[in-house]
Amino acid sequence: STDSEEGKRSDEEHRKLMREVDHRAKNALAIVQGIVRLTHASSPEAYAAAVQHRVEALALAHAMLSARRWGAVPIRELIKCELDAHKGARITFDGPPAKLPPHIVQPLALVLHELIDNARRHGALADGGTVAVEWKREPKRRLRIVWTERGGPAPTAPRAPGFGLTMVRSIVERQLRGELRQEWESE
């Protein structure tokens, strides 16, 4: 009864995939709810644009996951996908081959979106500077991602974090169980 066993296995795989999709959709909707509730802007138009761009970052990551049947995604592809949404930006990226588990892809996409957006509005990409994104593997299946901005406006003393940085810190520390460190250097 090999056909029967294969059918049962196929049904179970299908149920498992559907549970995973359901779980990811609920997580994405929870993130969208937070974005809608916590985004602040100076006008309704600015608010709509901020929410739309954040949701688009999640949608890009969702499409990548869906194309891989909710399997691992190479970090290089995720970074390239997020950077391609910001064509013309002066951003380089490099690191060894590494695959991201599916539960990390959407949160990391949102982090990358926020960093790029901040660099465009306030950082190196606002005024002729560059951004370099590098990653390397570390012990215990950890990944270190280094975001370096050079040029552009001179850094100012850190002030109270806005929604974007608050969200990035929350995603990195709570959802990804990582650590976020900022170093403000003169260049």
Protein backbone atom coordinates (compact mmCIF):
# COMPACT_ATOMS: atom_id res chain seq x y z
CA SER A 1 0.00 0.00 0.00
CA THR A 2 2.77 2.39 -1.03
CA ASP A 3 0.29 4.74 -2.72
CA SER A 4 -1.66 5.03 0.53
CA GLU A 5 1.49 5.80 2.54
CA GLU A 6 2.63 8.39 -0.02
CA GLY A 7 -0.83 9.99 0.03
CA LYS A 8 -0.78 10.22 3.83
CA ARG A 9 2.74 11.70 3.76
CA SER A 10 1.69 14.19 1.08
CA ASP A 11 -1.40 15.20 3.08
CA GLU A 12 0.70 15.67 6.21
CA GLU A 13 3.27 17.76 4.31
CA HIS A 14 0.44 19.87 2.90
CA ARG A 15 -1.06 20.39 6.40
CA LYS A 16 2.36 21.28 7.78
CA LEU A 17 2.93 23.81 4.98
CA MET A 18 -0.51 25.34 5.55
CA ARG A 19 0.18 25.67 9.31
CA GLU A 20 3.47 27.39 8.51
CA VAL A 21 1.82 29.78 6.04
CA ASP A 22 -0.92 30.53 8.58
CA HIS A 23 1.65 31.21 11.29
CA ARG A 24 3.71 33.50 9.01
CA ALA A 25 0.60 35.36 7.85
CA LYS A 26 -0.46 35.99 11.46
CA ASN A 27 3.03 37.26 12.28
CA ALA A 28 3.05 39.54 9.23
CA LEU A 29 -0.38 40.91 10.10
CA ALA A 30 0.74 41.57 13.68
CA ILE A 31 3.72 43.51 12.32
CA VAL A 32 1.45 45.47 9.96
CA GLN A 33 -0.88 46.30 12.87
CA GLY A 34 2.11 47.63 14.82
CA ILE A 35 3.28 49.65 11.83
CA VAL A 36 -0.15 51.20 11.33
CA ARG A 37 -0.60 51.93 15.02
CA LEU A 38 2.87 53.30 15.76
CA THR A 39 3.88 55.14 12.59
CA HIS A 40 3.99 58.91 13.09
CA ALA A 41 4.18 61.44 10.29
CA SER A 42 3.73 65.15 9.70
CA SER A 43 0.82 64.73 7.26
CA PRO A 44 -1.66 62.09 6.11
CA GLU A 45 0.32 61.75 2.86
CA ALA A 46 3.61 61.17 4.71
CA TYR A 47 1.88 58.67 7.00
CA ALA A 48 0.42 56.75 4.05
CA ALA A 49 3.80 56.65 2.28
CA ALA A 50 5.64 55.45 5.41
CA VAL A 51 3.14 52.66 6.03
CA GLN A 52 3.06 51.67 2.36
CA HIS A 53 6.87 51.38 2.09
CA ARG A 54 7.10 49.28 5.24
CA VAL A 55 4.37 46.94 4.06
CA GLU A 56 6.08 46.67 0.65
CA ALA A 57 9.28 45.52 2.39
CA LEU A 58 7.28 42.79 4.11
CA ALA A 59 5.60 41.85 0.83
CA LEU A 60 8.95 41.45 -0.95
CA ALA A 61 10.15 39.12 1.80
CA HIS A 62 6.86 37.23 1.69
CA ALA A 63 7.25 36.69 -2.06
CA MET A 64 10.78 35.34 -1.55
CA LEU A 65 9.56 32.91 1.10
CA SER A 66 6.61 31.81 -1.00
CA ALA A 67 8.87 31.17 -4.00
CA ARG A 68 10.95 28.87 -1.78
CA ARG A 69 7.92 27.12 -0.28
CA TRP A 70 8.69 28.79 3.05
CA GLY A 71 12.23 27.43 3.15
CA ALA A 72 15.56 29.12 3.88
CA VAL A 73 16.52 32.25 1.92
CA PRO A 74 20.11 33.23 1.06
CA ILE A 75 20.99 36.47 2.89
CA ARG A 76 22.56 37.86 -0.29
CA GLU A 77 19.21 37.52 -2.09
CA LEU A 78 17.28 39.19 0.71
CA ILE A 79 19.68 42.13 0.86
CA LYS A 80 19.74 42.47 -2.94
CA CYS A 81 15.93 42.36 -3.06
CA GLU A 82 15.61 45.14 -0.47
CA LEU A 83 18.33 47.22 -2.15
CA ASP A 84 16.75 46.80 -5.59
CA ALA A 85 13.69 48.55 -4.20
CA HIS A 86 15.97 51.59 -3.74
CA LYS A 87 17.56 51.75 -7.18
CA GLY A 88 20.31 54.28 -7.63
CA ALA A 89 21.42 54.12 -4.00
CA ARG A 90 25.17 53.94 -3.40
CA ILE A 91 25.16 50.68 -1.44
CA THR A 92 27.55 47.75 -1.60
CA PHE A 93 27.13 44.40 0.11
CA ASP A 94 29.33 41.39 0.67
CA GLY A 95 29.64 38.31 2.82
CA PRO A 96 29.92 34.53 2.71
CA PRO A 97 27.07 32.32 1.55
CA ALA A 98 24.53 32.01 4.35
CA LYS A 99 20.89 30.95 4.40
CA LEU A 100 18.35 32.56 6.69
CA PRO A 101 15.73 30.43 8.39
CA PRO A 102 12.24 31.41 7.20
CA HIS A 103 11.18 32.99 10.51
CA ILE A 104 14.00 35.54 10.21
CA VAL A 105 13.38 36.71 6.64
CA GLN A 106 10.44 39.12 7.11
CA PRO A 107 11.75 40.77 10.29
CA LEU A 108 15.21 41.23 8.76
CA ALA A 109 13.65 42.66 5.57
CA LEU A 110 11.88 45.26 7.68
CA VAL A 111 15.12 46.10 9.53
CA LEU A 112 16.95 46.55 6.21
CA HIS A 113 14.14 48.74 4.90
CA GLU A 114 14.30 51.00 7.95
CA LEU A 115 18.09 51.33 7.76
CA ILE A 116 17.98 52.19 4.05
CA ASP A 117 15.16 54.67 4.57
CA ASN A 118 16.99 56.34 7.45
CA ALA A 119 20.21 56.54 5.42
CA ARG A 120 18.28 58.19 2.56
CA ARG A 121 16.54 60.73 4.78
CA HIS A 122 19.15 61.50 7.44
CA GLY A 123 22.37 59.60 6.75
CA ALA A 124 25.02 58.90 4.17
CA LEU A 125 22.61 58.46 1.25
CA ALA A 126 21.05 61.87 1.90
CA ASP A 127 24.09 63.73 0.62
CA GLY A 128 26.58 61.86 -1.55
CA GLY A 129 27.75 59.23 0.94
CA THR A 130 27.83 55.46 0.68
CA VAL A 131 26.59 52.47 2.63
CA ALA A 132 28.38 49.14 2.96
CA VAL A 133 26.52 46.08 4.27
CA GLU A 134 28.74 43.18 5.30
CA TRP A 135 27.93 39.97 7.11
CA LYS A 136 29.86 37.08 8.53
CA ARG A 137 29.08 33.87 10.29
CA GLU A 138 29.77 33.55 13.98
CA PRO A 139 29.71 30.63 16.41
CA LYS A 140 26.40 29.12 17.51
CA ARG A 141 24.72 29.65 14.12
CA ARG A 142 24.74 33.42 14.58
CA LEU A 143 25.19 35.99 11.87
CA ARG A 144 26.75 39.42 12.33
CA ILE A 145 25.55 42.13 9.97
CA VAL A 146 27.51 45.37 9.87
CA TRP A 147 25.89 48.47 8.34
CA THR A 148 28.46 51.20 7.69
CA GLU A 149 27.64 54.66 6.40
CA ARG A 150 30.42 56.95 5.13
CA GLY A 151 30.15 60.49 3.83
CA GLY A 152 26.93 62.43 3.75
CA PRO A 153 25.94 64.83 6.52
CA ALA A 154 28.06 64.87 9.67
CA PRO A 155 26.58 62.64 12.36
CA THR A 156 24.82 64.47 15.14
CA ALA A 157 24.69 63.47 18.76
CA PRO A 158 22.19 60.66 19.19
CA ARG A 159 18.77 61.97 20.11
CA ALA A 160 15.59 60.27 21.21
CA PRO A 161 15.02 57.42 18.75
CA GLY A 162 12.17 57.76 16.27
CA PHE A 163 9.72 55.02 15.39
CA GLY A 164 12.04 53.44 12.80
CA LEU A 165 14.95 52.93 15.20
CA THR A 166 12.61 51.85 17.98
CA MET A 167 11.14 49.25 15.63
CA VAL A 168 14.59 48.10 14.45
CA ARG A 169 15.79 47.69 18.04
CA SER A 170 12.64 45.80 19.00
CA ILE A 171 12.87 43.45 16.01
CA VAL A 172 16.58 42.76 16.48
CA GLU A 173 16.48 42.28 20.23
CA ARG A 174 13.08 40.68 20.80
CA GLN A 175 12.11 38.91 17.63
CA LEU A 176 15.55 37.92 16.34
CA ARG A 177 17.11 37.63 19.82
CA GLY A 178 20.10 39.62 18.63
CA GLU A 179 22.00 42.70 19.69
CA LEU A 180 21.96 46.15 18.11
CA ARG A 181 24.97 48.37 18.59
CA GLN A 182 25.42 51.86 17.18
CA GLU A 183 28.73 53.64 16.90
CA TRP A 184 28.78 57.27 15.78
CA GLU A 185 32.11 58.06 14.14
CA SER A 186 33.02 61.41 12.62
CA GLU A 187 33.23 60.05 9.05
